[in-house]
Amino acid sequence: EPALSPGLAMRILDELRGNGSRRVLVPDRGNVALS
């Protein structure tokens, strides 16, 4: 069985679900959700 961190598992699920957003890490602003 694959060993996935919960964060990675959520990213994969989000991609498969096609939720239409990506997160970018922005200095001094944290994660920002972009389509």
All heavy atoms as atom14 arrays in JSON, in Angstrom:
{
  "sequence": "EPALSPGLAMRILDELRGNGSRRVLVPDRGNVALS",
  "atom14_mask": [
    [1, 1, 1, 1, 1, 1, 1, 1, 1, 0, 0, 0, 0, 0],
    [1, 1, 1, 1, 1, 1, 1, 0, 0, 0, 0, 0, 0, 0],
    [1, 1, 1, 1, 1, 0, 0, 0, 0, 0, 0, 0, 0, 0],
    [1, 1, 1, 1, 1, 1, 1, 1, 0, 0, 0, 0, 0, 0],
    [1, 1, 1, 1, 1, 1, 0, 0, 0, 0, 0, 0, 0, 0],
    [1, 1, 1, 1, 1, 1, 1, 0, 0, 0, 0, 0, 0, 0],
    [1, 1, 1, 1, 0, 0, 0, 0, 0, 0, 0, 0, 0, 0],
    [1, 1, 1, 1, 1, 1, 1, 1, 0, 0, 0, 0, 0, 0],
    [1, 1, 1, 1, 1, 0, 0, 0, 0, 0, 0, 0, 0, 0],
    [1, 1, 1, 1, 1, 1, 1, 1, 0, 0, 0, 0, 0, 0],
    [1, 1, 1, 1, 1, 1, 1, 1, 1, 1, 1, 0, 0, 0],
    [1, 1, 1, 1, 1, 1, 1, 1, 0, 0, 0, 0, 0, 0],
    [1, 1, 1, 1, 1, 1, 1, 1, 0, 0, 0, 0, 0, 0],
    [1, 1, 1, 1, 1, 1, 1, 1, 0, 0, 0, 0, 0, 0],
    [1, 1, 1, 1, 1, 1, 1, 1, 1, 0, 0, 0, 0, 0],
    [1, 1, 1, 1, 1, 1, 1, 1, 0, 0, 0, 0, 0, 0],
    [1, 1, 1, 1, 1, 1, 1, 1, 1, 1, 1, 0, 0, 0],
    [1, 1, 1, 1, 0, 0, 0, 0, 0, 0, 0, 0, 0, 0],
    [1, 1, 1, 1, 1, 1, 1, 1, 0, 0, 0, 0, 0, 0],
    [1, 1, 1, 1, 0, 0, 0, 0, 0, 0, 0, 0, 0, 0],
    [1, 1, 1, 1, 1, 1, 0, 0, 0, 0, 0, 0, 0, 0],
    [1, 1, 1, 1, 1, 1, 1, 1, 1, 1, 1, 0, 0, 0],
    [1, 1, 1, 1, 1, 1, 1, 1, 1, 1, 1, 0, 0, 0],
    [1, 1, 1, 1, 1, 1, 1, 0, 0, 0, 0, 0, 0, 0],
    [1, 1, 1, 1, 1, 1, 1, 1, 0, 0, 0, 0, 0, 0],
    [1, 1, 1, 1, 1, 1, 1, 0, 0, 0, 0, 0, 0, 0],
    [1, 1, 1, 1, 1, 1, 1, 0, 0, 0, 0, 0, 0, 0],
    [1, 1, 1, 1, 1, 1, 1, 1, 0, 0, 0, 0, 0, 0],
    [1, 1, 1, 1, 1, 1, 1, 1, 1, 1, 1, 0, 0, 0],
    [1, 1, 1, 1, 0, 0, 0, 0, 0, 0, 0, 0, 0, 0],
    [1, 1, 1, 1, 1, 1, 1, 1, 0, 0, 0, 0, 0, 0],
    [1, 1, 1, 1, 1, 1, 1, 0, 0, 0, 0, 0, 0, 0],
    [1, 1, 1, 1, 1, 0, 0, 0, 0, 0, 0, 0, 0, 0],
    [1, 1, 1, 1, 1, 1, 1, 1, 0, 0, 0, 0, 0, 0],
    [1, 1, 1, 1, 1, 1, 0, 0, 0, 0, 0, 0, 0, 0]
  ],
  "atom14_positions": [
    [[0.85, -1.19, 0.0], [0.0, 0.0, 0.0], [0.89, 1.24, 0.0], [1.96, 1.24, 0.59], [-0.9, 0.01, 1.24], [-1.88, -1.14, 1.28], [-2.66, -1.18, 2.6], [-2.61, -0.21, 3.37], [-3.32, -2.2, 2.84], [0.0, 0.0, 0.0], [0.0, 0.0, 0.0], [0.0, 0.0, 0.0], [0.0, 0.0, 0.0], [0.0, 0.0, 0.0]],
    [[0.43, 2.32, -0.65], [1.24, 3.54, -0.67], [1.21, 4.25, 0.68], [0.2, 4.23, 1.39], [0.59, 4.41, -1.74], [-0.81, 3.93, -1.8], [-0.78, 2.46, -1.46], [0.0, 0.0, 0.0], [0.0, 0.0, 0.0], [0.0, 0.0, 0.0], [0.0, 0.0, 0.0], [0.0, 0.0, 0.0], [0.0, 0.0, 0.0], [0.0, 0.0, 0.0]],
    [[2.33, 4.85, 1.03], [2.41, 5.64, 2.26], [2.32, 7.11, 1.88], [3.22, 7.65, 1.25], [3.71, 5.36, 2.99], [0.0, 0.0, 0.0], [0.0, 0.0, 0.0], [0.0, 0.0, 0.0], [0.0, 0.0, 0.0], [0.0, 0.0, 0.0], [0.0, 0.0, 0.0], [0.0, 0.0, 0.0], [0.0, 0.0, 0.0], [0.0, 0.0, 0.0]],
    [[1.21, 7.75, 2.21], [1.01, 9.15, 1.88], [0.76, 9.95, 3.14], [0.03, 9.51, 4.03], [-0.2, 9.32, 0.95], [-0.16, 8.62, -0.39], [-1.49, 8.8, -1.11], [0.96, 9.19, -1.24], [0.0, 0.0, 0.0], [0.0, 0.0, 0.0], [0.0, 0.0, 0.0], [0.0, 0.0, 0.0], [0.0, 0.0, 0.0], [0.0, 0.0, 0.0]],
    [[1.34, 11.15, 3.17], [1.02, 12.04, 4.28], [-0.41, 12.53, 4.1], [-0.92, 12.56, 2.97], [1.98, 13.24, 4.28], [1.7, 14.08, 3.18], [0.0, 0.0, 0.0], [0.0, 0.0, 0.0], [0.0, 0.0, 0.0], [0.0, 0.0, 0.0], [0.0, 0.0, 0.0], [0.0, 0.0, 0.0], [0.0, 0.0, 0.0], [0.0, 0.0, 0.0]],
    [[-1.07, 12.92, 5.16], [-2.44, 13.43, 5.02], [-2.52, 14.63, 4.08], [-3.45, 14.76, 3.3], [-2.83, 13.82, 6.44], [-1.99, 12.95, 7.31], [-0.69, 12.78, 6.57], [0.0, 0.0, 0.0], [0.0, 0.0, 0.0], [0.0, 0.0, 0.0], [0.0, 0.0, 0.0], [0.0, 0.0, 0.0], [0.0, 0.0, 0.0], [0.0, 0.0, 0.0]],
    [[-1.51, 15.51, 4.12], [-1.5, 16.68, 3.24], [-1.42, 16.29, 1.78], [-2.13, 16.84, 0.94], [0.0, 0.0, 0.0], [0.0, 0.0, 0.0], [0.0, 0.0, 0.0], [0.0, 0.0, 0.0], [0.0, 0.0, 0.0], [0.0, 0.0, 0.0], [0.0, 0.0, 0.0], [0.0, 0.0, 0.0], [0.0, 0.0, 0.0], [0.0, 0.0, 0.0]],
    [[-0.54, 15.35, 1.48], [-0.4, 14.89, 0.1], [-1.66, 14.18, -0.36], [-2.12, 14.37, -1.48], [0.82, 13.98, -0.05], [1.1, 13.43, -1.44], [1.24, 14.56, -2.46], [2.34, 12.56, -1.42], [0.0, 0.0, 0.0], [0.0, 0.0, 0.0], [0.0, 0.0, 0.0], [0.0, 0.0, 0.0], [0.0, 0.0, 0.0], [0.0, 0.0, 0.0]],
    [[-2.22, 13.38, 0.51], [-3.46, 12.67, 0.17], [-4.57, 13.67, -0.16], [-5.33, 13.49, -1.13], [-3.89, 11.76, 1.3], [0.0, 0.0, 0.0], [0.0, 0.0, 0.0], [0.0, 0.0, 0.0], [0.0, 0.0, 0.0], [0.0, 0.0, 0.0], [0.0, 0.0, 0.0], [0.0, 0.0, 0.0], [0.0, 0.0, 0.0], [0.0, 0.0, 0.0]],
    [[-4.67, 14.76, 0.6], [-5.69, 15.78, 0.35], [-5.44, 16.48, -0.99], [-6.39, 16.75, -1.73], [-5.74, 16.81, 1.48], [-6.37, 16.27, 2.76], [-8.03, 15.59, 2.53], [-8.92, 17.03, 1.99], [0.0, 0.0, 0.0], [0.0, 0.0, 0.0], [0.0, 0.0, 0.0], [0.0, 0.0, 0.0], [0.0, 0.0, 0.0], [0.0, 0.0, 0.0]],
    [[-4.19, 16.77, -1.3], [-3.88, 17.41, -2.59], [-4.27, 16.5, -3.74], [-4.83, 16.96, -4.74], [-2.39, 17.76, -2.66], [-2.04, 18.95, -1.8], [-0.58, 19.31, -1.91], [-0.27, 19.74, -3.27], [0.96, 19.97, -3.68], [1.98, 19.77, -2.88], [1.19, 20.37, -4.91], [0.0, 0.0, 0.0], [0.0, 0.0, 0.0], [0.0, 0.0, 0.0]],
    [[-3.99, 15.23, -3.62], [-4.35, 14.28, -4.67], [-5.86, 14.21, -4.82], [-6.39, 14.23, -5.93], [-3.74, 12.89, -4.38], [-2.21, 12.95, -4.53], [-4.34, 11.83, -5.31], [-1.5, 11.72, -4.02], [0.0, 0.0, 0.0], [0.0, 0.0, 0.0], [0.0, 0.0, 0.0], [0.0, 0.0, 0.0], [0.0, 0.0, 0.0], [0.0, 0.0, 0.0]],
    [[-6.56, 14.12, -3.7], [-8.02, 14.08, -3.75], [-8.6, 15.35, -4.36], [-9.55, 15.29, -5.16], [-8.6, 13.84, -2.36], [-8.44, 12.44, -1.81], [-8.92, 12.38, -0.36], [-9.19, 11.44, -2.66], [0.0, 0.0, 0.0], [0.0, 0.0, 0.0], [0.0, 0.0, 0.0], [0.0, 0.0, 0.0], [0.0, 0.0, 0.0], [0.0, 0.0, 0.0]],
    [[-8.03, 16.5, -4.0], [-8.5, 17.76, -4.58], [-8.32, 17.76, -6.09], [-9.2, 18.2, -6.83], [-7.74, 18.95, -3.97], [-8.22, 19.29, -2.58], [-9.29, 18.82, -2.17], [-7.49, 20.04, -1.88], [0.0, 0.0, 0.0], [0.0, 0.0, 0.0], [0.0, 0.0, 0.0], [0.0, 0.0, 0.0], [0.0, 0.0, 0.0], [0.0, 0.0, 0.0]],
    [[-7.18, 17.27, -6.56], [-6.93, 17.2, -8.0], [-7.93, 16.27, -8.68], [-8.47, 16.58, -9.73], [-5.51, 16.73, -8.29], [-4.45, 17.75, -8.0], [-4.53, 18.95, -8.93], [-4.77, 18.76, -10.14], [-4.35, 20.07, -8.44], [0.0, 0.0, 0.0], [0.0, 0.0, 0.0], [0.0, 0.0, 0.0], [0.0, 0.0, 0.0], [0.0, 0.0, 0.0]],
    [[-8.15, 15.12, -8.08], [-9.08, 14.16, -8.66], [-10.51, 14.67, -8.66], [-11.28, 14.41, -9.57], [-9.0, 12.82, -7.92], [-7.69, 12.05, -8.11], [-7.66, 10.82, -7.2], [-7.5, 11.65, -9.56], [0.0, 0.0, 0.0], [0.0, 0.0, 0.0], [0.0, 0.0, 0.0], [0.0, 0.0, 0.0], [0.0, 0.0, 0.0], [0.0, 0.0, 0.0]],
    [[-10.86, 15.41, -7.62], [-12.21, 15.98, -7.54], [-12.36, 17.16, -8.48], [-13.48, 17.59, -8.76], [-12.49, 16.44, -6.11], [-12.69, 15.32, -5.14], [-13.01, 15.86, -3.75], [-13.03, 14.78, -2.8], [-12.52, 14.84, -1.58], [-11.94, 15.95, -1.17], [-12.56, 13.81, -0.78], [0.0, 0.0, 0.0], [0.0, 0.0, 0.0], [0.0, 0.0, 0.0]],
    [[-11.24, 17.7, -8.92], [-11.31, 18.85, -9.82], [-11.88, 20.07, -9.16], [-12.68, 20.77, -9.73], [0.0, 0.0, 0.0], [0.0, 0.0, 0.0], [0.0, 0.0, 0.0], [0.0, 0.0, 0.0], [0.0, 0.0, 0.0], [0.0, 0.0, 0.0], [0.0, 0.0, 0.0], [0.0, 0.0, 0.0], [0.0, 0.0, 0.0], [0.0, 0.0, 0.0]],
    [[-11.43, 20.36, -7.94], [-11.99, 21.48, -7.21], [-11.6, 22.83, -7.81], [-12.1, 23.86, -7.4], [-11.62, 21.42, -5.73], [-10.18, 21.79, -5.47], [-9.35, 21.84, -6.36], [-9.87, 22.04, -4.21], [0.0, 0.0, 0.0], [0.0, 0.0, 0.0], [0.0, 0.0, 0.0], [0.0, 0.0, 0.0], [0.0, 0.0, 0.0], [0.0, 0.0, 0.0]],
    [[-10.71, 22.82, -8.8], [-10.42, 24.04, -9.53], [-9.56, 25.05, -8.82], [-9.58, 26.21, -9.17], [0.0, 0.0, 0.0], [0.0, 0.0, 0.0], [0.0, 0.0, 0.0], [0.0, 0.0, 0.0], [0.0, 0.0, 0.0], [0.0, 0.0, 0.0], [0.0, 0.0, 0.0], [0.0, 0.0, 0.0], [0.0, 0.0, 0.0], [0.0, 0.0, 0.0]],
    [[-8.8, 24.66, -7.81], [-7.92, 25.64, -7.18], [-6.56, 25.04, -6.9], [-6.4, 23.83, -6.76], [-8.54, 26.19, -5.9], [-8.54, 25.21, -4.9], [0.0, 0.0, 0.0], [0.0, 0.0, 0.0], [0.0, 0.0, 0.0], [0.0, 0.0, 0.0], [0.0, 0.0, 0.0], [0.0, 0.0, 0.0], [0.0, 0.0, 0.0], [0.0, 0.0, 0.0]],
    [[-5.6, 25.94, -6.85], [-4.23, 25.58, -6.51], [-3.77, 26.54, -5.44], [-4.21, 27.68, -5.39], [-3.3, 25.75, -7.72], [-3.65, 24.88, -8.88], [-2.66, 23.73, -8.97], [-3.16, 22.72, -9.87], [-2.72, 22.51, -11.09], [-1.76, 23.26, -11.57], [-3.22, 21.56, -11.83], [0.0, 0.0, 0.0], [0.0, 0.0, 0.0], [0.0, 0.0, 0.0]],
    [[-2.9, 26.08, -4.6], [-2.36, 26.95, -3.57], [-0.93, 27.31, -3.92], [-0.17, 26.47, -4.37], [-2.39, 26.25, -2.22], [-3.81, 25.96, -1.78], [-3.95, 26.24, -0.3], [-5.33, 26.14, 0.09], [-6.1, 27.2, 0.32], [-5.61, 28.4, 0.21], [-7.34, 27.05, 0.67], [0.0, 0.0, 0.0], [0.0, 0.0, 0.0], [0.0, 0.0, 0.0]],
    [[-0.61, 28.59, -3.74], [0.76, 29.04, -3.93], [1.25, 29.6, -2.61], [0.5, 30.21, -1.86], [0.88, 30.1, -5.06], [0.54, 29.5, -6.4], [0.03, 31.31, -4.78], [0.0, 0.0, 0.0], [0.0, 0.0, 0.0], [0.0, 0.0, 0.0], [0.0, 0.0, 0.0], [0.0, 0.0, 0.0], [0.0, 0.0, 0.0], [0.0, 0.0, 0.0]],
    [[2.5, 29.35, -2.31], [3.11, 29.86, -1.09], [3.69, 31.23, -1.41], [4.57, 31.36, -2.27], [4.2, 28.92, -0.59], [4.94, 29.37, 0.66], [3.97, 29.51, 1.83], [6.04, 28.38, 1.01], [0.0, 0.0, 0.0], [0.0, 0.0, 0.0], [0.0, 0.0, 0.0], [0.0, 0.0, 0.0], [0.0, 0.0, 0.0], [0.0, 0.0, 0.0]],
    [[3.18, 32.24, -0.73], [3.6, 33.61, -0.97], [4.3, 34.13, 0.28], [3.74, 34.05, 1.38], [2.38, 34.51, -1.3], [2.83, 35.92, -1.59], [1.6, 33.94, -2.47], [0.0, 0.0, 0.0], [0.0, 0.0, 0.0], [0.0, 0.0, 0.0], [0.0, 0.0, 0.0], [0.0, 0.0, 0.0], [0.0, 0.0, 0.0], [0.0, 0.0, 0.0]],
    [[5.52, 34.66, 0.12], [6.24, 35.18, 1.27], [5.41, 36.21, 2.03], [4.77, 37.06, 1.43], [7.48, 35.84, 0.65], [7.63, 35.19, -0.67], [6.25, 34.83, -1.12], [0.0, 0.0, 0.0], [0.0, 0.0, 0.0], [0.0, 0.0, 0.0], [0.0, 0.0, 0.0], [0.0, 0.0, 0.0], [0.0, 0.0, 0.0], [0.0, 0.0, 0.0]],
    [[5.4, 36.1, 3.33], [4.7, 37.02, 4.23], [3.18, 37.02, 4.08], [2.5, 37.83, 4.67], [5.22, 38.46, 4.06], [6.72, 38.56, 4.23], [7.26, 37.86, 5.11], [7.35, 39.32, 3.49], [0.0, 0.0, 0.0], [0.0, 0.0, 0.0], [0.0, 0.0, 0.0], [0.0, 0.0, 0.0], [0.0, 0.0, 0.0], [0.0, 0.0, 0.0]],
    [[2.65, 36.11, 3.23], [1.2, 36.04, 3.06], [0.68, 34.62, 3.23], [-0.51, 34.39, 3.19], [0.82, 36.56, 1.66], [1.08, 38.05, 1.5], [0.78, 38.48, 0.08], [1.06, 39.88, -0.11], [2.22, 40.37, -0.49], [3.24, 39.58, -0.71], [2.38, 41.66, -0.65], [0.0, 0.0, 0.0], [0.0, 0.0, 0.0], [0.0, 0.0, 0.0]],
    [[1.56, 33.65, 3.35], [1.15, 32.26, 3.51], [0.66, 31.67, 2.21], [1.09, 32.05, 1.13], [0.0, 0.0, 0.0], [0.0, 0.0, 0.0], [0.0, 0.0, 0.0], [0.0, 0.0, 0.0], [0.0, 0.0, 0.0], [0.0, 0.0, 0.0], [0.0, 0.0, 0.0], [0.0, 0.0, 0.0], [0.0, 0.0, 0.0], [0.0, 0.0, 0.0]],
    [[-0.26, 30.73, 2.32], [-0.83, 30.08, 1.14], [-1.96, 30.92, 0.58], [-2.82, 31.38, 1.31], [-1.37, 28.7, 1.5], [-0.26, 27.69, 1.68], [0.67, 27.65, 0.9], [-0.36, 26.89, 2.72], [0.0, 0.0, 0.0], [0.0, 0.0, 0.0], [0.0, 0.0, 0.0], [0.0, 0.0, 0.0], [0.0, 0.0, 0.0], [0.0, 0.0, 0.0]],
    [[-1.95, 31.09, -0.74], [-3.01, 31.83, -1.43], [-3.64, 30.89, -2.43], [-2.93, 30.22, -3.2], [-2.43, 33.08, -2.15], [-3.5, 33.78, -2.95], [-1.8, 34.03, -1.13], [0.0, 0.0, 0.0], [0.0, 0.0, 0.0], [0.0, 0.0, 0.0], [0.0, 0.0, 0.0], [0.0, 0.0, 0.0], [0.0, 0.0, 0.0], [0.0, 0.0, 0.0]],
    [[-4.96, 30.81, -2.43], [-5.67, 29.93, -3.36], [-5.89, 30.64, -4.69], [-6.48, 31.72, -4.73], [-7.01, 29.5, -2.78], [0.0, 0.0, 0.0], [0.0, 0.0, 0.0], [0.0, 0.0, 0.0], [0.0, 0.0, 0.0], [0.0, 0.0, 0.0], [0.0, 0.0, 0.0], [0.0, 0.0, 0.0], [0.0, 0.0, 0.0], [0.0, 0.0, 0.0]],
    [[-5.38, 30.06, -5.75], [-5.62, 30.55, -7.11], [-6.38, 29.48, -7.87], [-6.19, 28.29, -7.62], [-4.3, 30.82, -7.83], [-3.36, 31.87, -7.25], [-2.09, 31.95, -8.1], [-4.03, 33.22, -7.16], [0.0, 0.0, 0.0], [0.0, 0.0, 0.0], [0.0, 0.0, 0.0], [0.0, 0.0, 0.0], [0.0, 0.0, 0.0], [0.0, 0.0, 0.0]],
    [[-7.2, 29.91, -8.81], [-7.84, 28.92, -9.68], [-6.75, 28.27, -10.53], [-5.64, 28.8, -10.66], [-8.88, 29.58, -10.58], [-8.25, 30.35, -11.58], [0.0, 0.0, 0.0], [0.0, 0.0, 0.0], [0.0, 0.0, 0.0], [0.0, 0.0, 0.0], [0.0, 0.0, 0.0], [0.0, 0.0, 0.0], [0.0, 0.0, 0.0], [0.0, 0.0, 0.0]]
  ]
}
